[in-house]
Amino acid sequence: MAEKVDVNAKWDACLDLTVRRFVYSSLAGAFSGFLFFRTPVTRWATVAFGAGVGIGSAYTECNRIFDAKLTTPKTSDAPAHEE
């Protein structure tokens, strides 16, 4: 039962972190877009970039919270073709 509570706490922390970083990064992108750019397209692009940075950093932190290991499939050390 303790494991289930621990996983639920991790999910809650991860969801909270993701929402906060998404919102804060989007707002930072909107502010910088309003400050530095004139056209709506570039302003929206900075908002999208900020949102992407927020989601990416939250994803990285959630991987650390869950202690997930992103591994690539191992290839064998043997030569591919021996004659």
Foldseek 3Di string as FASTA:
>chain_A
DVVVVLVVVLVVVLVVQLVVQLVVLLVVLLVVCVVPHDDPVSSVVSSVVSNVVSNVVSVVVSCVSVVPDDDDDDDDPDDPDDD
